Every structure is written in structure tokens, then in C-alpha cells.
Amino acid sequence: MEHITLFTDIMPEEQERIRVCFKVREEIFQNGETIMEYSSSMKKIGLIQDGRAVLYCCDEDGNEYVIDELNQDSVFGEPFLLPSDAQHYYACATMQTKVLFIDYEHVIKRCENACHHHSQMVSNLLQMIALRSRQQTDRIYMLSRSSTRKKLMAYLHSLAAEKGTKKYKIPMSYTALAQYLSVDRSAMMREIKNLMEMGVLRREGRNVELLG
């Protein structure tokens, strides 16, 4: 699938009309700020324009889990998760992050003029959601692996495929990566060291290169 953004195939002058039609709001969040707390109302959709955020889940016992990483062009919000009453979900910025917010009702209701750019934006959103669904499927595959090493390698190969290169920078800290893969950080770092000694990968900080 080609790279799709919210404004793919929409002219600049149409983009300005969209911001009015869809009641688009733009906000900037600093590292550690909460971007959105999920509710059952399905009132808004968020789109990461620039930066990075993480989606967390907190269960009724107070345990916190990393559910998803949200990078540029990621879409998020209640319509894509349908949160349960027993769990609390929220998105938090991990660096300065610019977010566009769109009212959900303006996405599902066609405007009176049936504008082309309205239809195109909805089409773009659906394609972006399909991409997020595929990424979630990839994560389910990672988490289903039977060992820390297999989970780690599944993640590294998935990232290489996404970036189109075997040499790249891991987009999160190793602590966050361990949470993302639901593994013990110390065990994960041991596996990374073992893989380096085996000649499977090179690492310098968060810069990684898959070998062979």
C-alpha cells in the first residue's frame, strides 16, 4: 500500500475548506502530556501530524500496558478501539507532537454539497485505518511468538520491512520496547547481546543493522 496521508490527492485550497467543513483542530503536546483520554462517546479522531505518542491501557488493578505506538500519520481515537468500562485508555506524547483532531460526526455525515474533497478525505482515513489494522495484526504476530528472542526478531524484521532497509533507528527506548513486546527488559537486552555475538545484528545505541 502506498503511503497515504489525510490530505492525499486533495489540493491545498481544498485542504483549507476541509479544516472548516470537518471542524479540524490542531494542538501541540509536549513530552509526557496526555493527548486524549478515551471514553465510550466516540466523539473525536486524532491524527499525528508530527512527533510520536504511545497508547496505554490501565486495567482495574492499576497495571499499565503499552497498547500501540503512534507515529506520523497514525490515526487513533475511540472509533478504532471501542474501549471497555473495565479498562482506561489514553494516548500520551513521548516528544513534542502535533495532532489534528476531527469530530467523528463530521466524518460519517456527508456535507450538503457532497464535496469531492470530503469524499477523498474519508477515503484516505479508511485507507489509513486499514494500514493501522495491518500493523496491529503484525503486533499480534509478534506477541504470539514463544520466546523473547522470537518476539524481538519479529519486531526488528517488521521495522526493517516498514522502513525498506535493514539499517535503521528503533523509534522508542529499550524500556518502551520491552513494554511493547511484553517482555522483561533485562532478558531482552541479553538477547540483543547474544544476537550481536552471533553476528545476527549490529547495534549502537538505538541504531540497529540486521545482518545477512
C-alpha atoms as a PDB file:
ATOM      1  CA  MET A   1       0.000   0.000   0.000  1.00  0.00           C
ATOM      2  CA  GLU A   2       1.353   3.404  -0.974  1.00  0.00           C
ATOM      3  CA  HIS A   3       1.912   5.978   1.742  1.00  0.00           C
ATOM      4  CA  ILE A   4      -1.417   7.672   2.465  1.00  0.00           C
ATOM      5  CA  THR A   5      -1.915  10.843   4.488  1.00  0.00           C
ATOM      6  CA  LEU A   6      -5.078  12.653   5.471  1.00  0.00           C
ATOM      7  CA  PHE A   7      -4.668  15.086   2.561  1.00  0.00           C
ATOM      8  CA  THR A   8      -3.513  12.702  -0.184  1.00  0.00           C
ATOM      9  CA  ASP A   9      -4.975  13.782  -3.575  1.00  0.00           C
ATOM     10  CA  ILE A  10      -6.529  16.914  -2.036  1.00  0.00           C
ATOM     11  CA  MET A  11      -5.426  20.300  -3.369  1.00  0.00           C
ATOM     12  CA  PRO A  12      -4.071  22.920  -0.899  1.00  0.00           C
ATOM     13  CA  GLU A  13      -7.078  25.203  -1.395  1.00  0.00           C
ATOM     14  CA  GLU A  14      -9.409  22.270  -0.734  1.00  0.00           C
ATOM     15  CA  GLN A  15      -7.467  21.415   2.426  1.00  0.00           C
ATOM     16  CA  GLU A  16      -8.362  24.797   3.877  1.00  0.00           C
ATOM     17  CA  ARG A  17     -12.062  24.195   3.153  1.00  0.00           C
ATOM     18  CA  ILE A  18     -11.775  20.772   4.786  1.00  0.00           C
ATOM     19  CA  ARG A  19     -10.495  22.313   8.020  1.00  0.00           C
ATOM     20  CA  VAL A  20     -13.719  24.310   8.213  1.00  0.00           C
ATOM     21  CA  CYS A  21     -16.036  21.555   6.970  1.00  0.00           C
ATOM     22  CA  PHE A  22     -14.650  18.931   9.364  1.00  0.00           C
ATOM     23  CA  LYS A  23     -14.065  21.389  12.219  1.00  0.00           C
ATOM     24  CA  VAL A  24     -10.418  20.371  12.356  1.00  0.00           C
ATOM     25  CA  ARG A  25      -8.468  21.489  15.430  1.00  0.00           C
ATOM     26  CA  GLU A  26      -4.678  21.472  15.708  1.00  0.00           C
ATOM     27  CA  GLU A  27      -2.887  21.147  19.044  1.00  0.00           C
ATOM     28  CA  ILE A  28       0.731  20.675  20.109  1.00  0.00           C
ATOM     29  CA  PHE A  29       1.643  18.466  23.078  1.00  0.00           C
ATOM     30  CA  GLN A  30       4.942  18.267  24.917  1.00  0.00           C
ATOM     31  CA  ASN A  31       6.727  15.105  26.068  1.00  0.00           C
ATOM     32  CA  GLY A  32       4.683  13.393  28.791  1.00  0.00           C
ATOM     33  CA  GLU A  33       1.445  15.278  28.109  1.00  0.00           C
ATOM     34  CA  THR A  34      -1.793  13.338  27.726  1.00  0.00           C
ATOM     35  CA  ILE A  35      -3.208  13.815  24.231  1.00  0.00           C
ATOM     36  CA  MET A  36      -6.504  12.004  24.649  1.00  0.00           C
ATOM     37  CA  GLU A  37      -8.312  10.007  27.321  1.00  0.00           C
ATOM     38  CA  TYR A  38     -10.683   7.515  25.767  1.00  0.00           C
ATOM     39  CA  SER A  39     -14.380   7.370  26.584  1.00  0.00           C
ATOM     40  CA  SER A  40     -17.342   5.465  25.144  1.00  0.00           C
ATOM     41  CA  SER A  41     -18.727   8.531  23.364  1.00  0.00           C
ATOM     42  CA  MET A  42     -16.700   8.182  20.113  1.00  0.00           C
ATOM     43  CA  LYS A  43     -16.601  11.958  19.714  1.00  0.00           C
ATOM     44  CA  LYS A  44     -13.265  12.536  18.005  1.00  0.00           C
ATOM     45  CA  ILE A  45     -10.496  11.135  15.850  1.00  0.00           C
ATOM     46  CA  GLY A  46      -6.847  12.079  16.322  1.00  0.00           C
ATOM     47  CA  LEU A  47      -4.162  12.173  13.634  1.00  0.00           C
ATOM     48  CA  ILE A  48      -0.446  12.501  14.433  1.00  0.00           C
ATOM     49  CA  GLN A  49       0.904  15.186  12.109  1.00  0.00           C
ATOM     50  CA  ASP A  50       4.377  15.266  13.578  1.00  0.00           C
ATOM     51  CA  GLY A  51       6.060  13.617  16.562  1.00  0.00           C
ATOM     52  CA  ARG A  52       5.271  10.416  18.398  1.00  0.00           C
ATOM     53  CA  ALA A  53       2.898   9.138  21.068  1.00  0.00           C
ATOM     54  CA  VAL A  54       2.095   5.905  22.845  1.00  0.00           C
ATOM     55  CA  LEU A  55      -1.321   4.417  23.566  1.00  0.00           C
ATOM     56  CA  TYR A  56      -1.573   2.983  27.082  1.00  0.00           C
ATOM     57  CA  CYS A  57      -4.127   0.747  28.765  1.00  0.00           C
ATOM     58  CA  CYS A  58      -4.620   0.756  32.528  1.00  0.00           C
ATOM     59  CA  ASP A  59      -6.653  -2.147  33.919  1.00  0.00           C
ATOM     60  CA  GLU A  60      -8.890  -2.159  37.008  1.00  0.00           C
ATOM     61  CA  ASP A  61      -5.935  -3.270  39.176  1.00  0.00           C
ATOM     62  CA  GLY A  62      -3.851  -0.281  38.134  1.00  0.00           C
ATOM     63  CA  ASN A  63      -1.491  -2.229  35.856  1.00  0.00           C
ATOM     64  CA  GLU A  64      -0.362  -0.209  32.834  1.00  0.00           C
ATOM     65  CA  TYR A  65       0.412  -1.660  29.404  1.00  0.00           C
ATOM     66  CA  VAL A  66       1.685  -0.245  26.110  1.00  0.00           C
ATOM     67  CA  ILE A  67      -1.002  -0.999  23.522  1.00  0.00           C
ATOM     68  CA  ASP A  68       0.317   0.795  20.464  1.00  0.00           C
ATOM     69  CA  GLU A  69       2.906   3.276  19.210  1.00  0.00           C
ATOM     70  CA  LEU A  70       1.559   6.249  17.270  1.00  0.00           C
ATOM     71  CA  ASN A  71       3.891   7.803  14.722  1.00  0.00           C
ATOM     72  CA  GLN A  72       3.409  10.377  11.960  1.00  0.00           C
ATOM     73  CA  ASP A  73       0.087   9.834  10.107  1.00  0.00           C
ATOM     74  CA  SER A  74      -1.198   7.401  12.738  1.00  0.00           C
ATOM     75  CA  VAL A  75      -4.931   7.668  13.397  1.00  0.00           C
ATOM     76  CA  PHE A  76      -6.397   6.973  16.836  1.00  0.00           C
ATOM     77  CA  GLY A  77      -9.477   7.544  18.949  1.00  0.00           C
ATOM     78  CA  GLU A  78     -12.496   5.737  20.355  1.00  0.00           C
ATOM     79  CA  PRO A  79     -13.970   4.667  16.968  1.00  0.00           C
ATOM     80  CA  PHE A  80     -10.893   2.484  16.357  1.00  0.00           C
ATOM     81  CA  LEU A  81     -10.717   0.821  19.762  1.00  0.00           C
ATOM     82  CA  LEU A  82     -14.180   0.647  21.384  1.00  0.00           C
ATOM     83  CA  PRO A  83     -12.816   0.748  24.960  1.00  0.00           C
ATOM     84  CA  SER A  84     -14.464  -1.298  27.685  1.00  0.00           C
ATOM     85  CA  ASP A  85     -15.630   0.134  31.006  1.00  0.00           C
ATOM     86  CA  ALA A  86     -13.145  -2.038  32.930  1.00  0.00           C
ATOM     87  CA  GLN A  87     -10.098  -0.522  31.236  1.00  0.00           C
ATOM     88  CA  HIS A  88      -8.781   3.013  30.882  1.00  0.00           C
ATOM     89  CA  TYR A  89      -7.055   4.003  27.647  1.00  0.00           C
ATOM     90  CA  TYR A  90      -5.097   7.147  26.980  1.00  0.00           C
ATOM     91  CA  ALA A  91      -2.595   8.462  24.428  1.00  0.00           C
ATOM     92  CA  CYS A  92       0.499  10.250  25.716  1.00  0.00           C
ATOM     93  CA  ALA A  93       3.130  12.229  23.785  1.00  0.00           C
ATOM     94  CA  THR A  94       6.712  10.957  24.024  1.00  0.00           C
ATOM     95  CA  MET A  95       8.159  14.069  22.368  1.00  0.00           C
ATOM     96  CA  GLN A  96       6.755  17.340  21.047  1.00  0.00           C
ATOM     97  CA  THR A  97       3.811  16.135  18.981  1.00  0.00           C
ATOM     98  CA  LYS A  98       1.404  17.959  16.683  1.00  0.00           C
ATOM     99  CA  VAL A  99      -2.076  16.433  16.483  1.00  0.00           C
ATOM    100  CA  LEU A 100      -5.109  17.156  14.314  1.00  0.00           C
ATOM    101  CA  PHE A 101      -8.488  16.440  15.906  1.00  0.00           C
ATOM    102  CA  ILE A 102     -11.581  15.787  13.782  1.00  0.00           C
ATOM    103  CA  ASP A 103     -15.133  15.458  15.105  1.00  0.00           C
ATOM    104  CA  TYR A 104     -16.307  11.920  14.358  1.00  0.00           C
ATOM    105  CA  GLU A 105     -19.812  13.016  13.346  1.00  0.00           C
ATOM    106  CA  HIS A 106     -18.381  15.164  10.553  1.00  0.00           C
ATOM    107  CA  VAL A 107     -16.598  12.135   9.127  1.00  0.00           C
ATOM    108  CA  ILE A 108     -19.674   9.922   8.916  1.00  0.00           C
ATOM    109  CA  LYS A 109     -22.066  12.637   7.700  1.00  0.00           C
ATOM    110  CA  ARG A 110     -21.741  13.882   4.137  1.00  0.00           C
ATOM    111  CA  CYS A 111     -21.922  17.632   3.720  1.00  0.00           C
ATOM    112  CA  GLU A 112     -24.848  19.116   1.797  1.00  0.00           C
ATOM    113  CA  ASN A 113     -22.675  19.902  -1.230  1.00  0.00           C
ATOM    114  CA  ALA A 114     -21.321  16.326  -1.455  1.00  0.00           C
ATOM    115  CA  CYS A 115     -17.829  17.812  -1.979  1.00  0.00           C
ATOM    116  CA  HIS A 116     -15.185  15.723  -3.723  1.00  0.00           C
ATOM    117  CA  HIS A 117     -12.589  16.625  -1.105  1.00  0.00           C
ATOM    118  CA  HIS A 118     -14.946  15.402   1.639  1.00  0.00           C
ATOM    119  CA  SER A 119     -15.227  12.000  -0.044  1.00  0.00           C
ATOM    120  CA  GLN A 120     -11.484  11.884  -0.690  1.00  0.00           C
ATOM    121  CA  MET A 121     -10.661  12.636   2.936  1.00  0.00           C
ATOM    122  CA  VAL A 122     -12.983   9.866   4.134  1.00  0.00           C
ATOM    123  CA  SER A 123     -11.331   7.502   1.631  1.00  0.00           C
ATOM    124  CA  ASN A 124      -7.890   8.494   2.929  1.00  0.00           C
ATOM    125  CA  LEU A 125      -8.973   7.894   6.519  1.00  0.00           C
ATOM    126  CA  LEU A 126     -10.307   4.436   5.663  1.00  0.00           C
ATOM    127  CA  GLN A 127      -7.028   3.504   3.971  1.00  0.00           C
ATOM    128  CA  MET A 128      -5.061   4.787   6.957  1.00  0.00           C
ATOM    129  CA  ILE A 129      -7.260   2.740   9.282  1.00  0.00           C
ATOM    130  CA  ALA A 130      -6.653  -0.333   7.106  1.00  0.00           C
ATOM    131  CA  LEU A 131      -2.909   0.240   7.468  1.00  0.00           C
ATOM    132  CA  ARG A 132      -3.227   0.516  11.259  1.00  0.00           C
ATOM    133  CA  SER A 133      -5.194  -2.733  11.229  1.00  0.00           C
ATOM    134  CA  ARG A 134      -2.377  -4.448   9.351  1.00  0.00           C
ATOM    135  CA  GLN A 135       0.164  -3.071  11.826  1.00  0.00           C
ATOM    136  CA  GLN A 136      -1.934  -4.367  14.717  1.00  0.00           C
ATOM    137  CA  THR A 137      -2.019  -7.781  13.048  1.00  0.00           C
ATOM    138  CA  ASP A 138       1.784  -7.662  12.827  1.00  0.00           C
ATOM    139  CA  ARG A 139       1.950  -6.866  16.539  1.00  0.00           C
ATOM    140  CA  ILE A 140      -0.352  -9.760  17.414  1.00  0.00           C
ATOM    141  CA  TYR A 141       2.048 -11.973  15.470  1.00  0.00           C
ATOM    142  CA  MET A 142       4.997 -10.592  17.463  1.00  0.00           C
ATOM    143  CA  LEU A 143       3.293 -11.129  20.811  1.00  0.00           C
ATOM    144  CA  SER A 144       2.288 -14.680  19.855  1.00  0.00           C
ATOM    145  CA  ARG A 145       5.923 -15.764  19.456  1.00  0.00           C
ATOM    146  CA  SER A 146       7.064 -18.246  22.085  1.00  0.00           C
ATOM    147  CA  SER A 147      10.245 -16.546  23.324  1.00  0.00           C
ATOM    148  CA  THR A 148      11.774 -13.137  23.936  1.00  0.00           C
ATOM    149  CA  ARG A 149      14.218 -13.671  21.059  1.00  0.00           C
ATOM    150  CA  LYS A 150      11.470 -14.557  18.582  1.00  0.00           C
ATOM    151  CA  LYS A 151       9.363 -11.561  19.640  1.00  0.00           C
ATOM    152  CA  LEU A 152      12.360  -9.270  19.288  1.00  0.00           C
ATOM    153  CA  MET A 153      13.346 -10.613  15.862  1.00  0.00           C
ATOM    154  CA  ALA A 154       9.761 -10.386  14.615  1.00  0.00           C
ATOM    155  CA  TYR A 155       9.721  -6.718  15.643  1.00  0.00           C
ATOM    156  CA  LEU A 156      13.096  -5.931  14.078  1.00  0.00           C
ATOM    157  CA  HIS A 157      12.177  -7.602  10.776  1.00  0.00           C
ATOM    158  CA  SER A 158       8.804  -5.842  10.739  1.00  0.00           C
ATOM    159  CA  LEU A 159      10.515  -2.483  11.273  1.00  0.00           C
ATOM    160  CA  ALA A 160      13.028  -3.250   8.504  1.00  0.00           C
ATOM    161  CA  ALA A 161      10.178  -4.059   6.105  1.00  0.00           C
ATOM    162  CA  GLU A 162       8.343  -0.860   7.062  1.00  0.00           C
ATOM    163  CA  LYS A 163      11.431   1.324   6.527  1.00  0.00           C
ATOM    164  CA  GLY A 164      12.686  -0.535   3.481  1.00  0.00           C
ATOM    165  CA  THR A 165      16.177  -1.001   4.932  1.00  0.00           C
ATOM    166  CA  LYS A 166      17.955  -3.306   7.354  1.00  0.00           C
ATOM    167  CA  LYS A 167      19.756  -0.355   8.937  1.00  0.00           C
ATOM    168  CA  TYR A 168      17.575   1.980  10.995  1.00  0.00           C
ATOM    169  CA  LYS A 169      16.944   3.562  14.382  1.00  0.00           C
ATOM    170  CA  ILE A 170      14.494   1.931  16.778  1.00  0.00           C
ATOM    171  CA  PRO A 171      11.817   4.619  17.320  1.00  0.00           C
ATOM    172  CA  MET A 172      11.436   4.090  21.077  1.00  0.00           C
ATOM    173  CA  SER A 173      13.578   3.496  24.143  1.00  0.00           C
ATOM    174  CA  TYR A 174      14.502  -0.081  25.043  1.00  0.00           C
ATOM    175  CA  THR A 175      12.344   0.205  28.151  1.00  0.00           C
ATOM    176  CA  ALA A 176       9.363   1.154  25.993  1.00  0.00           C
ATOM    177  CA  LEU A 177      10.209  -1.616  23.506  1.00  0.00           C
ATOM    178  CA  ALA A 178      10.207  -4.211  26.291  1.00  0.00           C
ATOM    179  CA  GLN A 179       6.766  -2.967  27.343  1.00  0.00           C
ATOM    180  CA  TYR A 180       5.588  -3.012  23.735  1.00  0.00           C
ATOM    181  CA  LEU A 181       6.696  -6.638  23.312  1.00  0.00           C
ATOM    182  CA  SER A 182       5.513  -7.638  26.811  1.00  0.00           C
ATOM    183  CA  VAL A 183       8.928  -8.998  27.794  1.00  0.00           C
ATOM    184  CA  ASP A 184      11.398  -8.388  30.620  1.00  0.00           C
ATOM    185  CA  ARG A 185      13.814  -5.619  29.666  1.00  0.00           C
ATOM    186  CA  SER A 186      16.887  -7.345  31.126  1.00  0.00           C
ATOM    187  CA  ALA A 187      16.081 -10.571  29.285  1.00  0.00           C
ATOM    188  CA  MET A 188      15.550  -8.629  26.061  1.00  0.00           C
ATOM    189  CA  MET A 189      18.898  -6.832  26.374  1.00  0.00           C
ATOM    190  CA  ARG A 190      20.625 -10.193  26.979  1.00  0.00           C
ATOM    191  CA  GLU A 191      19.068 -11.499  23.790  1.00  0.00           C
ATOM    192  CA  ILE A 192      20.261  -8.440  21.873  1.00  0.00           C
ATOM    193  CA  LYS A 193      23.789  -9.046  23.174  1.00  0.00           C
ATOM    194  CA  ASN A 194      23.577 -12.728  22.189  1.00  0.00           C
ATOM    195  CA  LEU A 195      22.341 -11.835  18.696  1.00  0.00           C
ATOM    196  CA  MET A 196      25.233  -9.411  18.276  1.00  0.00           C
ATOM    197  CA  GLU A 197      27.726 -12.095  19.315  1.00  0.00           C
ATOM    198  CA  MET A 198      26.094 -14.498  16.835  1.00  0.00           C
ATOM    199  CA  GLY A 199      26.511 -11.981  14.027  1.00  0.00           C
ATOM    200  CA  VAL A 200      22.767 -11.558  13.514  1.00  0.00           C
ATOM    201  CA  LEU A 201      22.773  -7.811  14.113  1.00  0.00           C
ATOM    202  CA  ARG A 202      24.869  -4.776  14.941  1.00  0.00           C
ATOM    203  CA  ARG A 203      23.791  -2.165  17.468  1.00  0.00           C
ATOM    204  CA  GLU A 204      24.978   1.229  18.595  1.00  0.00           C
ATOM    205  CA  GLY A 205      22.503   2.776  20.992  1.00  0.00           C
ATOM    206  CA  ARG A 206      19.129   2.521  19.264  1.00  0.00           C
ATOM    207  CA  ASN A 207      20.743   2.259  15.813  1.00  0.00           C
ATOM    208  CA  VAL A 208      20.406  -1.299  14.570  1.00  0.00           C
ATOM    209  CA  GLU A 209      21.523  -3.153  11.467  1.00  0.00           C
ATOM    210  CA  LEU A 210      20.257  -6.638  10.601  1.00  0.00           C
ATOM    211  CA  LEU A 211      22.997  -8.737   9.046  1.00  0.00           C
ATOM    212  CA  GLY A 212      22.555 -11.408   6.421  1.00  0.00           C
END
